[in-house]
Amino acid sequence: MTDATMPHAQTQAAPPRRALARRVLPYAMLSPAVLVTLAIVFFPMVQTAWMSLHDYVLFRPNTFDWVGLKNFRTALQDEVLWISLWHTVIWMCTTIPAQLLLGLVTALLLNQDFPWRPVARALIIIPWALPSVVIALMWVWIYDSNYGVANEFLLRLGLIQKAIPWLANPDTALAAIILTLTWQGFPFFAVMILAGLQSIPRSYYEAASIDGASPWRQFWHITLPGISGVMVTAVLLRTIWVANSFDVIFVMTGGGPGYATYTLPLFAFVKARTNLDFGYGSAIAVLFTLLLMLVVVVYLKRTGKAVS
């Protein structure tokens, strides 16, 4: 090859190299995140599924016997599992809509012009920013039957005649925790929906006002369609987070009184970490994961059709 043809050959070889680099670069940049996800998410999931097929109790650390689906059959015959499942359904079907409704109202208020609006937007995030343990302890003090603010407030209003042990009464313990989780989680919806509201052009509302549309019709035909995508995503995320969360319940009641506040994640945790039966606890966790995946798939299919 002569010197005259060298530059031409280099220019022909350069574009394929750049094209290869462009194809490889995204995978190279994603690989650290993928490796971390595999290490801290998928590997524990596989390990949990594997342990669920074994008899693994830490009282017998040298015993790791294969039992197949025995743990799953035992779990499905366990009355506490069905109690926990029912509480989980009540907990999710009550907490998430309450958080969504309260967050929507809060976002609509924060989207209005009023003095000290930036301060209000900063303060509203406090329940979401506080650690769950702090929130749980704070609400335990609020519900205390001797010096709690809740009983004092209701007694002064005349709504109750004597102090109620909110967390020690099986009839009120779950409702008290649902109220606590609602207060903790509604700022997430408020912030997400507020971001969606600010993305809606003001010209839509101006045109609707000129056409004589009432505030309710503007909300129904402009606001809701404009934030529907944000709400779908927020509800999906909160469904997963609320379903897997048990720290507030564990700190406030430990699942009691009795099994009054047991949920499936808490039941799996108690079996694995308190009773040291990792095989049985893993089986409960796998069953709950499959159930949650089913709920997520159904939700995505239904909301996908609704949004489209």
Protein backbone atom coordinates (compact mmCIF):
# COMPACT_ATOMS: atom_id res chain seq x y z
CA MET A 1 0.00 0.00 0.00
CA THR A 2 1.39 3.37 -1.01
CA ASP A 3 1.49 6.47 1.14
CA ALA A 4 -1.23 8.02 -1.03
CA THR A 5 -3.76 5.32 -0.18
CA MET A 6 -3.03 5.25 3.61
CA PRO A 7 -5.31 8.17 4.64
CA HIS A 8 -8.17 6.76 2.54
CA ALA A 9 -7.89 3.36 4.27
CA GLN A 10 -7.83 4.99 7.71
CA THR A 11 -10.95 7.02 6.94
CA GLN A 12 -12.73 3.83 5.84
CA ALA A 13 -11.73 1.99 9.04
CA ALA A 14 -12.63 4.83 11.40
CA PRO A 15 -16.43 4.85 10.92
CA PRO A 16 -16.86 1.13 11.74
CA ARG A 17 -14.81 1.63 14.91
CA ARG A 18 -16.96 4.62 15.95
CA ALA A 19 -20.14 2.68 15.18
CA LEU A 20 -18.89 -0.23 17.29
CA ALA A 21 -18.00 2.15 20.13
CA ARG A 22 -21.49 3.70 19.99
CA ARG A 23 -23.06 0.24 20.21
CA VAL A 24 -20.85 -0.90 23.08
CA LEU A 25 -20.90 2.33 25.11
CA PRO A 26 -24.49 2.01 26.46
CA TYR A 27 -23.84 -1.55 27.65
CA ALA A 28 -20.54 -0.50 29.24
CA MET A 29 -22.23 2.37 31.10
CA LEU A 30 -25.13 0.17 32.26
CA SER A 31 -22.98 -2.77 33.34
CA PRO A 32 -22.09 -1.39 36.83
CA ALA A 33 -25.76 -0.83 37.66
CA VAL A 34 -26.68 -4.26 36.29
CA LEU A 35 -23.96 -5.95 38.32
CA VAL A 36 -25.01 -4.16 41.52
CA THR A 37 -28.66 -5.09 40.88
CA LEU A 38 -27.71 -8.72 40.33
CA ALA A 39 -25.65 -8.72 43.52
CA ILE A 40 -28.14 -7.07 45.88
CA VAL A 41 -31.51 -7.98 44.32
CA PHE A 42 -31.51 -11.03 42.07
CA PHE A 43 -28.97 -13.11 43.97
CA PRO A 44 -30.92 -12.81 47.27
CA MET A 45 -34.12 -13.63 45.35
CA VAL A 46 -32.59 -16.81 43.94
CA GLN A 47 -31.15 -17.67 47.35
CA THR A 48 -34.57 -17.19 48.99
CA ALA A 49 -36.26 -19.40 46.41
CA TRP A 50 -33.59 -22.07 46.95
CA MET A 51 -33.93 -21.94 50.75
CA SER A 52 -37.73 -22.24 50.48
CA LEU A 53 -37.23 -25.73 49.09
CA HIS A 54 -35.18 -26.84 52.09
CA ASP A 55 -35.66 -27.45 55.80
CA TYR A 56 -33.33 -24.77 57.12
CA VAL A 57 -33.64 -23.81 60.79
CA LEU A 58 -30.75 -22.07 62.52
CA PHE A 59 -31.33 -24.14 65.64
CA ARG A 60 -29.97 -26.95 63.47
CA PRO A 61 -27.28 -25.14 61.45
CA ASN A 62 -25.80 -28.31 59.98
CA THR A 63 -29.16 -29.48 58.60
CA PHE A 64 -30.11 -28.32 55.13
CA ASP A 65 -32.42 -31.05 53.88
CA TRP A 66 -34.28 -30.90 50.58
CA VAL A 67 -38.05 -30.93 51.22
CA GLY A 68 -39.35 -29.71 47.86
CA LEU A 69 -42.72 -27.99 48.13
CA LYS A 70 -43.36 -29.06 51.72
CA ASN A 71 -42.86 -25.53 53.11
CA PHE A 72 -45.36 -24.17 50.58
CA ARG A 73 -47.97 -26.80 51.44
CA THR A 74 -47.48 -26.10 55.14
CA ALA A 75 -47.80 -22.37 54.55
CA LEU A 76 -51.03 -22.73 52.59
CA GLN A 77 -52.49 -24.75 55.48
CA ASP A 78 -51.34 -22.19 58.07
CA GLU A 79 -54.25 -20.15 59.42
CA VAL A 80 -51.93 -17.27 60.30
CA LEU A 81 -50.93 -16.94 56.63
CA TRP A 82 -54.54 -16.39 55.58
CA ILE A 83 -55.06 -13.92 58.42
CA SER A 84 -51.94 -12.07 57.30
CA LEU A 85 -53.08 -12.14 53.68
CA TRP A 86 -56.45 -10.63 54.61
CA HIS A 87 -54.76 -7.90 56.65
CA THR A 88 -52.40 -7.21 53.74
CA VAL A 89 -55.35 -6.80 51.36
CA ILE A 90 -57.11 -4.43 53.79
CA TRP A 91 -53.88 -2.55 54.42
CA MET A 92 -53.09 -2.01 50.73
CA CYS A 93 -56.65 -1.36 49.54
CA THR A 94 -57.11 1.28 52.25
CA THR A 95 -53.71 2.92 52.60
CA ILE A 96 -52.89 3.50 48.92
CA PRO A 97 -56.25 5.12 47.93
CA ALA A 98 -56.13 7.25 51.09
CA GLN A 99 -52.59 8.39 50.29
CA LEU A 100 -53.57 9.09 46.68
CA LEU A 101 -56.65 11.13 47.61
CA LEU A 102 -54.86 13.13 50.29
CA GLY A 103 -51.86 13.66 48.01
CA LEU A 104 -54.10 14.83 45.16
CA VAL A 105 -55.88 17.38 47.36
CA THR A 106 -52.55 18.59 48.75
CA ALA A 107 -51.02 18.93 45.28
CA LEU A 108 -54.02 20.93 44.03
CA LEU A 109 -53.69 23.28 47.01
CA LEU A 110 -49.93 23.67 46.61
CA ASN A 111 -50.41 24.44 42.93
CA GLN A 112 -52.36 27.61 43.82
CA ASP A 113 -50.78 31.01 44.39
CA PHE A 114 -50.64 31.97 48.07
CA PRO A 115 -48.09 33.55 50.43
CA TRP A 116 -45.32 31.33 51.73
CA ARG A 117 -46.02 28.68 49.11
CA PRO A 118 -42.35 27.57 48.85
CA VAL A 119 -42.28 27.05 52.63
CA ALA A 120 -45.45 24.97 52.50
CA ARG A 121 -44.01 22.85 49.69
CA ALA A 122 -40.89 22.22 51.75
CA LEU A 123 -42.76 21.37 54.95
CA ILE A 124 -45.15 18.94 53.27
CA ILE A 125 -42.27 16.58 52.50
CA ILE A 126 -41.36 16.10 56.19
CA PRO A 127 -43.49 12.95 56.79
CA TRP A 128 -41.91 11.31 53.74
CA ALA A 129 -38.38 12.36 54.72
CA LEU A 130 -38.48 11.12 58.32
CA PRO A 131 -37.15 7.61 59.03
CA SER A 132 -39.82 4.98 59.50
CA VAL A 133 -38.63 4.18 63.03
CA VAL A 134 -39.00 7.81 64.06
CA ILE A 135 -42.50 7.96 62.57
CA ALA A 136 -43.50 4.72 64.30
CA LEU A 137 -42.27 5.88 67.71
CA MET A 138 -43.90 9.28 67.28
CA TRP A 139 -47.28 7.74 66.50
CA VAL A 140 -46.93 5.25 69.36
CA TRP A 141 -46.72 8.26 71.67
CA ILE A 142 -49.68 9.89 69.92
CA TYR A 143 -51.80 6.76 70.41
CA ASP A 144 -50.73 6.18 74.01
CA SER A 145 -53.76 5.68 76.26
CA ASN A 146 -52.23 7.56 79.20
CA TYR A 147 -50.68 10.68 77.72
CA GLY A 148 -51.30 10.42 73.97
CA VAL A 149 -52.45 13.46 72.01
CA ALA A 150 -55.09 11.46 70.10
CA ASN A 151 -57.06 10.50 73.21
CA GLU A 152 -56.67 13.94 74.75
CA PHE A 153 -57.97 15.63 71.62
CA LEU A 154 -60.96 13.30 71.25
CA LEU A 155 -61.82 13.57 74.96
CA ARG A 156 -61.83 17.36 74.82
CA LEU A 157 -64.14 17.26 71.78
CA GLY A 158 -66.43 14.85 73.58
CA LEU A 159 -66.16 12.22 70.85
CA ILE A 160 -65.07 9.52 73.31
CA GLN A 161 -65.85 9.04 77.00
CA LYS A 162 -62.62 7.35 78.07
CA ALA A 163 -59.14 6.81 76.68
CA ILE A 164 -58.84 4.11 74.04
CA PRO A 165 -55.76 1.83 73.86
CA TRP A 166 -55.53 2.20 70.08
CA LEU A 167 -52.59 -0.15 69.54
CA ALA A 168 -53.56 -2.67 72.24
CA ASN A 169 -57.10 -3.17 70.97
CA PRO A 170 -57.44 -5.75 68.14
CA ASP A 171 -60.39 -3.79 66.73
CA THR A 172 -58.44 -0.52 66.32
CA ALA A 173 -54.77 -1.51 65.96
CA LEU A 174 -54.80 -2.09 62.20
CA ALA A 175 -56.81 1.08 61.54
CA ALA A 176 -54.35 3.08 63.66
CA ILE A 177 -51.42 1.76 61.64
CA ILE A 178 -53.23 2.50 58.37
CA LEU A 179 -53.66 6.11 59.51
CA THR A 180 -49.96 6.28 60.33
CA LEU A 181 -48.94 4.90 56.91
CA THR A 182 -51.34 7.29 55.19
CA TRP A 183 -49.72 10.25 56.91
CA GLN A 184 -46.25 8.97 56.06
CA GLY A 185 -46.88 8.27 52.38
CA PHE A 186 -49.17 11.01 51.09
CA PRO A 187 -46.31 13.51 50.48
CA PHE A 188 -44.95 11.18 47.78
CA PHE A 189 -48.22 11.44 45.86
CA ALA A 190 -48.38 15.18 46.53
CA VAL A 191 -44.93 15.82 45.06
CA MET A 192 -45.47 13.54 42.06
CA ILE A 193 -48.89 14.98 41.23
CA LEU A 194 -47.66 18.54 41.77
CA ALA A 195 -44.94 17.94 39.18
CA GLY A 196 -47.59 16.64 36.78
CA LEU A 197 -49.83 19.66 37.41
CA GLN A 198 -47.03 22.09 36.61
CA SER A 199 -46.45 20.36 33.27
CA ILE A 200 -50.00 21.18 32.08
CA PRO A 201 -49.96 24.40 29.98
CA ARG A 202 -51.93 27.27 31.50
CA SER A 203 -53.34 28.03 28.06
CA TYR A 204 -55.58 24.95 28.35
CA TYR A 205 -57.33 26.41 31.38
CA GLU A 206 -57.55 29.86 29.81
CA ALA A 207 -59.19 28.43 26.71
CA ALA A 208 -61.59 26.38 28.83
CA SER A 209 -62.54 29.46 30.87
CA ILE A 210 -63.26 31.40 27.71
CA ASP A 211 -65.52 28.55 26.55
CA GLY A 212 -67.39 28.75 29.86
CA ALA A 213 -66.16 25.50 31.42
CA SER A 214 -66.72 25.27 35.16
CA PRO A 215 -63.80 24.49 37.54
CA TRP A 216 -65.11 20.94 37.92
CA ARG A 217 -65.21 20.37 34.15
CA GLN A 218 -61.70 21.82 33.85
CA PHE A 219 -60.52 19.41 36.53
CA TRP A 220 -62.25 16.44 34.90
CA HIS A 221 -61.27 17.12 31.29
CA ILE A 222 -57.89 18.86 31.66
CA THR A 223 -56.32 18.16 35.04
CA LEU A 224 -57.05 14.46 35.40
CA PRO A 225 -55.97 13.51 31.85
CA GLY A 226 -52.85 15.64 32.30
CA ILE A 227 -51.75 13.85 35.48
CA SER A 228 -53.06 10.36 34.68
CA GLY A 229 -49.66 9.05 33.62
CA VAL A 230 -48.02 10.39 36.78
CA MET A 231 -50.75 8.92 38.96
CA VAL A 232 -50.45 5.49 37.32
CA THR A 233 -46.70 5.43 37.97
CA ALA A 234 -47.05 6.74 41.52
CA VAL A 235 -49.73 4.19 42.44
CA LEU A 236 -47.60 1.36 41.03
CA LEU A 237 -44.54 2.43 43.01
CA ARG A 238 -46.49 2.93 46.23
CA THR A 239 -48.22 -0.44 45.79
CA ILE A 240 -44.85 -2.18 45.66
CA TRP A 241 -43.38 -0.15 48.53
CA VAL A 242 -46.39 -0.42 50.82
CA ALA A 243 -46.76 -4.13 50.12
CA ASN A 244 -43.15 -4.81 51.10
CA SER A 245 -43.05 -2.42 54.04
CA PHE A 246 -43.41 -3.78 57.55
CA ASP A 247 -40.98 -1.66 59.59
CA VAL A 248 -43.66 0.71 60.92
CA ILE A 249 -45.88 -2.21 61.96
CA PHE A 250 -42.97 -4.05 63.55
CA VAL A 251 -41.97 -1.04 65.66
CA MET A 252 -45.52 -0.01 66.62
CA THR A 253 -47.11 -3.37 67.45
CA GLY A 254 -44.79 -6.19 66.42
CA GLY A 255 -47.82 -7.71 64.68
CA GLY A 256 -50.00 -7.71 67.79
CA PRO A 257 -52.13 -7.73 69.73
CA GLY A 258 -52.26 -11.39 68.82
CA TYR A 259 -52.26 -11.48 65.02
CA ALA A 260 -54.33 -8.30 64.64
CA THR A 261 -51.70 -6.43 62.61
CA TYR A 262 -49.89 -9.30 60.93
CA THR A 263 -49.18 -8.83 57.22
CA LEU A 264 -47.45 -11.26 54.88
CA PRO A 265 -44.06 -9.45 54.86
CA LEU A 266 -44.12 -9.23 58.65
CA PHE A 267 -45.16 -12.89 58.95
CA ALA A 268 -42.26 -13.95 56.72
CA PHE A 269 -39.85 -11.78 58.72
CA VAL A 270 -41.02 -13.15 62.06
CA LYS A 271 -40.68 -16.75 60.88
CA ALA A 272 -37.22 -16.18 59.39
CA ARG A 273 -35.62 -13.76 61.80
CA THR A 274 -37.43 -14.36 65.09
CA ASN A 275 -38.22 -18.07 64.87
CA LEU A 276 -35.02 -18.67 62.83
CA ASP A 277 -36.95 -20.90 60.40
CA PHE A 278 -35.46 -19.58 57.18
CA GLY A 279 -36.92 -22.32 54.99
CA TYR A 280 -40.51 -21.65 56.03
CA GLY A 281 -40.03 -17.87 56.09
CA SER A 282 -38.54 -18.00 52.60
CA ALA A 283 -41.54 -19.98 51.34
CA ILE A 284 -43.91 -17.30 52.68
CA ALA A 285 -41.79 -14.60 51.04
CA VAL A 286 -41.85 -16.42 47.69
CA LEU A 287 -45.63 -16.84 47.85
CA PHE A 288 -46.04 -13.15 48.61
CA THR A 289 -43.68 -12.19 45.78
CA LEU A 290 -45.68 -14.24 43.28
CA LEU A 291 -48.92 -12.71 44.53
CA LEU A 292 -47.49 -9.19 44.28
CA MET A 293 -46.21 -9.88 40.75
CA LEU A 294 -49.71 -11.00 39.77
CA VAL A 295 -51.21 -7.80 41.19
CA VAL A 296 -48.65 -5.65 39.35
CA VAL A 297 -49.24 -7.42 36.02
CA VAL A 298 -53.02 -7.05 36.30
CA TYR A 299 -52.63 -3.42 37.30
CA LEU A 300 -50.32 -2.64 34.37
CA LYS A 301 -52.67 -4.31 31.89
CA ARG A 302 -55.72 -2.45 33.16
CA THR A 303 -54.05 0.94 33.51
CA GLY A 304 -52.29 0.52 30.16
CA LYS A 305 -55.66 0.18 28.45
CA ALA A 306 -57.13 3.05 30.46
CA VAL A 307 -54.26 5.46 29.75
CA SER A 308 -54.05 4.57 26.07
